Amino acid sequence: MALKLRILTQTGEFVSAASSVEELLKVLLDTQNGTHTLSQEEDDSLRGWLLLRAQELGNGKMVGLEGQPTVCIGKTAEGRPFVRDARGDWPPIKPDFDGDTNTLL
């Protein structure tokens, strides 16, 4: 899989890892709303850039677009960065199986 260096937006402008969080989230929102389509490589790149920005946040902090609660980046209180859109959190939270099978009964 090759990551993209920049992505062409629906307005004819480019976004990249150096773009603002707001610009990157707008592209994610346009994709979520179906007004813009990304290839798998572009989607992976966009989410990777946003995840790097989320890593810079303090624990328990979130940054999103005003009026768009389903599109944001953040960092959990435990320090796990995430990107959130209508599909949920990315990367998805993996179940924590500590070997105790009685907790599932």
Foldseek 3Di string as FASTA:
>chain_A
DDADQWDQAPVRDIDGLPDDLAVLLVRVVCCLVVVDPDDPNDVVRSQVSLQVVQLPDDAPDKDHDPPAVQFIWHAHNVGHTWTGHPVGTPPDDDDDCPPPPVVVD
